[in-house]
Amino acid sequence: MARTEPDVNAAANDGRRSIQSIEVGCTLLTALVEAATPLSLRDLAQAAGMTSAKAHPYLVSFIRVGLVQQDGVTGHYELGAFALQMGLVSLQRLDPVRAAMPELAQLRDEIGHTLGIAVLGSHGPTMVHMSQASYPVHVNMRQGTVMSMLHTATGLVFAAWLPPKVADHYIAREIGDTAVISSIDTPVATPRPTLDAMLADIRVHGMARALGNPLPGVDALSVPVFDNTGSVVLALTSLGPTGRFDTAYDGVIARPLLRCAQSISHKLGYTGR
């Protein structure tokens, strides 16, 4: 009997050969991931855009290799042990900053303004990477610069999305800390109602902005990046000179900035809205 070749796609979009049945079957895995709950054969097939009769053989194979498992009582399907192991290994290898770098380069070319990545360090939000625009921006920021929690757009992102007790710790510890960049020489405590209202407004817009703050003549927008647990792990900040930098929440900088942060979050396993 003649051997049959796998269902090879000889003319894929990127010019490389691929196995069509694997790509088709993976729509079932994608449906299980997006559902995040066990599904019946009918519902799973429908979500994957195929008939139950077509979906069933794929599921049998996925069960055999551990990518899918079936409940013995309900008959519903969910991701299997091997799929979970794959996910855990992927998450363990993920470096949020490394995941952000390719996206950052594309975003800088799109919007044409300076971009920075900040993480939460021992003193507070700390710049770990700066990608400069083609035009000079005279700012006292570089790798290692610590940003004020309440007096910079970058810091406000962390203040808004960190657990309140953690945010309060960093807000309190920066008072008198000369390593922190702030718009004022001696930060003072902000009344709680004022602070809560400010942070709630930032969460509504999905970003923080600073107008001439902490540096006169320089505006900034900053957005959060989340990991698979829903925790904020990065702040992605864009800045530019007042008058040339669009600070509107739905403007030509804010929209691509948000899209970029959402794309990075997706890479890190974040599935929230």
Protein backbone atom coordinates (compact mmCIF):
# COMPACT_ATOMS: atom_id res chain seq x y z
CA MET A 1 0.00 0.00 0.00
CA ALA A 2 1.38 3.41 -0.92
CA ARG A 3 2.18 5.76 1.93
CA THR A 4 0.20 8.96 2.00
CA GLU A 5 1.82 12.29 2.66
CA PRO A 6 0.57 14.43 5.57
CA ASP A 7 -1.87 17.14 4.58
CA VAL A 8 0.91 19.61 3.87
CA ASN A 9 0.14 23.21 3.03
CA ALA A 10 2.71 23.86 0.34
CA ALA A 11 1.83 27.51 -0.18
CA ALA A 12 1.55 29.02 3.28
CA ASN A 13 1.51 32.79 3.57
CA ASP A 14 5.08 32.89 4.85
CA GLY A 15 6.36 30.47 2.19
CA ARG A 16 6.95 27.61 4.62
CA ARG A 17 5.30 24.17 4.49
CA SER A 18 2.85 23.36 7.27
CA ILE A 19 0.47 20.61 8.39
CA GLN A 20 -3.09 21.72 7.77
CA SER A 21 -4.72 19.24 10.16
CA ILE A 22 -2.65 20.55 13.07
CA GLU A 23 -3.73 24.10 12.33
CA VAL A 24 -7.37 23.04 12.04
CA GLY A 25 -7.25 20.99 15.24
CA CYS A 26 -5.70 23.85 17.17
CA THR A 27 -8.89 25.85 16.74
CA LEU A 28 -10.38 23.43 19.28
CA LEU A 29 -7.57 24.15 21.73
CA THR A 30 -8.04 27.88 21.15
CA ALA A 31 -11.76 27.53 21.90
CA LEU A 32 -11.00 25.75 25.19
CA VAL A 33 -8.52 28.44 26.19
CA GLU A 34 -10.95 31.25 25.39
CA ALA A 35 -13.85 29.53 27.13
CA ALA A 36 -11.77 28.89 30.28
CA THR A 37 -14.33 26.27 31.30
CA PRO A 38 -15.13 22.66 30.28
CA LEU A 39 -17.30 22.40 27.16
CA SER A 40 -19.57 19.78 25.67
CA LEU A 41 -18.63 18.35 22.30
CA ARG A 42 -21.39 20.34 20.62
CA ASP A 43 -20.44 23.64 22.22
CA LEU A 44 -16.74 23.10 21.66
CA ALA A 45 -17.21 22.22 18.00
CA GLN A 46 -19.47 25.21 17.50
CA ALA A 47 -16.94 27.54 19.12
CA ALA A 48 -14.25 26.16 16.79
CA GLY A 49 -16.44 26.55 13.74
CA MET A 50 -16.77 22.88 12.85
CA THR A 51 -19.22 20.01 13.17
CA SER A 52 -19.16 17.61 16.11
CA ALA A 53 -18.31 14.75 13.76
CA LYS A 54 -15.26 16.63 12.51
CA ALA A 55 -14.15 17.76 15.97
CA HIS A 56 -14.35 14.35 17.65
CA PRO A 57 -11.32 12.65 15.98
CA TYR A 58 -9.14 15.63 16.80
CA LEU A 59 -10.22 15.47 20.43
CA VAL A 60 -9.45 11.74 20.60
CA SER A 61 -5.90 12.44 19.44
CA PHE A 62 -5.51 15.40 21.80
CA ILE A 63 -6.64 13.21 24.71
CA ARG A 64 -4.06 10.57 23.81
CA VAL A 65 -1.20 13.08 23.95
CA GLY A 66 -2.48 14.86 27.05
CA LEU A 67 -3.50 18.16 25.49
CA VAL A 68 -7.19 17.57 26.31
CA GLN A 69 -9.00 15.56 28.95
CA GLN A 70 -12.65 14.47 29.14
CA ASP A 71 -14.74 14.33 32.29
CA GLY A 72 -15.94 10.77 32.82
CA VAL A 73 -19.28 11.90 34.23
CA THR A 74 -20.32 14.91 32.15
CA GLY A 75 -18.37 14.06 28.99
CA HIS A 76 -17.19 17.68 28.81
CA TYR A 77 -13.74 18.52 27.46
CA GLU A 78 -11.06 20.72 29.00
CA LEU A 79 -7.32 21.28 28.68
CA GLY A 80 -5.25 18.29 29.75
CA ALA A 81 -2.22 17.87 31.99
CA PHE A 82 0.33 18.27 29.21
CA ALA A 83 -1.31 21.48 28.01
CA LEU A 84 -1.11 22.85 31.54
CA GLN A 85 2.55 21.86 31.81
CA MET A 86 3.27 23.63 28.53
CA GLY A 87 1.58 26.77 29.83
CA LEU A 88 3.51 26.74 33.10
CA VAL A 89 6.85 26.30 31.35
CA SER A 90 6.01 29.16 29.00
CA LEU A 91 5.07 31.45 31.88
CA GLN A 92 8.22 30.57 33.82
CA ARG A 93 10.35 31.55 30.84
CA LEU A 94 8.56 34.82 30.20
CA ASP A 95 10.45 38.00 30.97
CA PRO A 96 8.00 40.94 30.80
CA VAL A 97 10.67 43.40 29.68
CA ARG A 98 11.97 41.05 26.99
CA ALA A 99 8.40 40.45 25.80
CA ALA A 100 7.85 44.20 25.57
CA MET A 101 10.96 45.14 23.60
CA PRO A 102 9.84 44.17 20.05
CA GLU A 103 6.47 45.84 20.61
CA LEU A 104 8.18 48.97 21.94
CA ALA A 105 10.34 49.39 18.83
CA GLN A 106 7.31 49.15 16.55
CA LEU A 107 5.34 51.60 18.69
CA ARG A 108 8.16 54.17 18.68
CA ASP A 109 8.26 54.06 14.89
CA GLU A 110 4.47 54.44 14.75
CA ILE A 111 4.04 57.40 17.10
CA GLY A 112 7.47 59.01 16.77
CA HIS A 113 7.91 59.85 20.46
CA THR A 114 10.22 58.70 23.23
CA LEU A 115 9.11 55.58 25.11
CA GLY A 116 10.14 54.08 28.40
CA ILE A 117 9.55 50.85 30.31
CA ALA A 118 9.34 50.92 34.10
CA VAL A 119 9.12 48.10 36.63
CA LEU A 120 8.55 48.21 40.37
CA GLY A 121 11.93 48.35 42.12
CA SER A 122 12.93 48.60 45.76
CA HIS A 123 12.57 52.40 45.81
CA GLY A 124 9.52 52.55 43.55
CA PRO A 125 8.71 52.57 39.80
CA THR A 126 12.09 52.37 38.07
CA MET A 127 12.93 53.01 34.43
CA VAL A 128 14.69 49.99 32.95
CA HIS A 129 14.66 50.97 29.27
CA MET A 130 14.38 54.16 27.25
CA SER A 131 13.77 54.26 23.48
CA GLN A 132 14.50 57.76 22.26
CA ALA A 133 12.58 59.59 19.56
CA SER A 134 14.37 60.95 16.49
CA TYR A 135 14.14 64.47 17.95
CA PRO A 136 15.83 65.42 21.26
CA VAL A 137 13.77 65.52 24.46
CA HIS A 138 15.63 67.11 27.33
CA VAL A 139 14.53 64.96 30.24
CA ASN A 140 16.45 63.79 33.27
CA MET A 141 15.44 60.17 32.79
CA ARG A 142 17.62 57.18 32.08
CA GLN A 143 17.87 53.55 33.06
CA GLY A 144 17.65 53.31 36.84
CA THR A 145 15.67 56.52 37.34
CA VAL A 146 13.05 56.15 40.08
CA MET A 147 9.73 57.85 39.38
CA SER A 148 7.43 59.38 41.98
CA MET A 149 4.30 57.33 42.63
CA LEU A 150 1.98 60.35 42.64
CA HIS A 151 3.86 63.02 40.70
CA THR A 152 4.65 61.21 37.44
CA ALA A 153 2.44 59.42 34.93
CA THR A 154 4.58 56.29 35.29
CA GLY A 155 4.20 56.21 39.05
CA LEU A 156 0.48 56.86 38.91
CA VAL A 157 0.02 53.71 36.81
CA PHE A 158 1.52 51.63 39.60
CA ALA A 159 -0.39 53.55 42.27
CA ALA A 160 -3.66 52.87 40.45
CA TRP A 161 -3.21 49.14 39.77
CA LEU A 162 -1.02 47.82 42.59
CA PRO A 163 -2.80 46.34 45.62
CA PRO A 164 -3.65 49.36 47.84
CA LYS A 165 -1.40 48.32 50.72
CA VAL A 166 1.56 47.88 48.38
CA ALA A 167 0.89 51.21 46.67
CA ASP A 168 0.58 52.98 50.03
CA HIS A 169 3.94 51.55 51.11
CA TYR A 170 5.73 53.02 48.11
CA ILE A 171 3.85 56.30 48.30
CA ALA A 172 4.86 56.73 51.94
CA ARG A 173 8.49 55.70 51.52
CA GLU A 174 9.26 58.25 48.77
CA ILE A 175 8.71 61.21 51.10
CA GLY A 176 12.18 62.65 51.62
CA ASP A 177 13.80 60.17 49.20
CA THR A 178 16.07 62.26 46.97
CA ALA A 179 16.46 59.35 44.52
CA VAL A 180 12.87 59.81 43.37
CA ILE A 181 12.04 62.15 40.46
CA SER A 182 9.10 64.32 41.46
CA SER A 183 7.50 67.59 40.45
CA ILE A 184 8.06 68.99 43.93
CA ASP A 185 11.12 68.99 46.18
CA THR A 186 9.37 67.59 49.23
CA PRO A 187 6.41 65.30 48.51
CA VAL A 188 3.65 65.44 51.10
CA ALA A 189 0.78 63.10 51.88
CA THR A 190 -2.24 63.48 49.59
CA PRO A 191 -5.64 63.41 51.39
CA ARG A 192 -7.15 59.93 51.02
CA PRO A 193 -10.41 61.02 49.33
CA THR A 194 -8.44 63.07 46.79
CA LEU A 195 -6.05 60.20 46.13
CA ASP A 196 -8.83 57.63 45.75
CA ALA A 197 -10.73 59.83 43.29
CA MET A 198 -7.58 60.48 41.25
CA LEU A 199 -6.68 56.80 41.02
CA ALA A 200 -10.26 55.82 40.17
CA ASP A 201 -10.23 58.29 37.27
CA ILE A 202 -6.97 56.79 35.99
CA ARG A 203 -8.48 53.30 36.05
CA VAL A 204 -11.54 54.52 34.15
CA HIS A 205 -9.36 55.90 31.34
CA GLY A 206 -6.94 52.96 31.44
CA MET A 207 -3.96 55.29 31.61
CA ALA A 208 -2.30 58.08 33.56
CA ARG A 209 -1.11 61.34 32.14
CA ALA A 210 1.14 64.13 33.33
CA LEU A 211 1.06 67.62 31.82
CA GLY A 212 4.37 69.38 32.35
CA ASN A 213 4.90 67.13 35.35
CA PRO A 214 7.46 66.46 36.75
CA LEU A 215 9.34 68.35 34.01
CA PRO A 216 7.93 71.65 32.72
CA GLY A 217 7.36 71.58 28.98
CA VAL A 218 7.23 67.79 28.80
CA ASP A 219 3.98 65.80 28.78
CA ALA A 220 3.55 62.07 29.28
CA LEU A 221 1.06 59.24 28.97
CA SER A 222 1.56 55.92 30.75
CA VAL A 223 -0.36 52.63 30.57
CA PRO A 224 -0.19 49.39 32.59
CA VAL A 225 0.94 45.96 31.38
CA PHE A 226 -0.48 42.94 33.21
CA ASP A 227 0.69 39.34 33.60
CA ASN A 228 -1.31 36.11 33.69
CA THR A 229 -2.38 36.74 37.30
CA GLY A 230 -3.79 40.18 36.47
CA SER A 231 -0.96 41.93 38.33
CA VAL A 232 0.62 45.08 36.91
CA VAL A 233 4.21 44.25 35.96
CA LEU A 234 5.22 47.13 33.71
CA ALA A 235 4.35 50.71 32.98
CA LEU A 236 4.74 51.71 29.34
CA THR A 237 5.28 55.47 29.11
CA SER A 238 5.48 57.86 26.18
CA LEU A 239 6.59 61.46 26.52
CA GLY A 240 7.24 64.48 24.40
CA PRO A 241 7.32 68.29 24.36
CA THR A 242 4.15 70.17 25.19
CA GLY A 243 2.50 71.31 21.98
CA ARG A 244 3.88 68.42 19.91
CA PHE A 245 2.59 65.65 22.15
CA ASP A 246 -1.11 64.67 21.98
CA THR A 247 -2.29 63.97 25.53
CA ALA A 248 -5.94 63.23 24.68
CA TYR A 249 -7.20 59.97 26.16
CA ASP A 250 -8.41 58.89 22.70
CA GLY A 251 -5.68 60.63 20.74
CA VAL A 252 -3.10 59.50 18.21
CA ILE A 253 -0.65 58.54 20.95
CA ALA A 254 -3.03 57.11 23.54
CA ARG A 255 -4.73 54.62 21.21
CA PRO A 256 -1.59 52.88 19.90
CA LEU A 257 -0.04 53.05 23.38
CA LEU A 258 -3.01 51.16 24.81
CA ARG A 259 -2.97 48.64 21.96
CA CYS A 260 0.71 47.99 22.54
CA ALA A 261 0.22 47.44 26.28
CA GLN A 262 -2.68 45.09 25.60
CA SER A 263 -0.60 43.12 23.11
CA ILE A 264 2.25 42.73 25.61
CA SER A 265 -0.22 41.74 28.35
CA HIS A 266 -1.64 39.10 26.02
CA LYS A 267 1.87 37.72 25.49
CA LEU A 268 2.22 37.46 29.27
CA GLY A 269 -0.97 35.44 29.58
CA TYR A 270 -3.37 38.18 30.66
CA THR A 271 -6.94 37.44 29.59
CA GLY A 272 -8.82 40.24 31.37
CA ARG A 273 -10.42 43.30 29.88
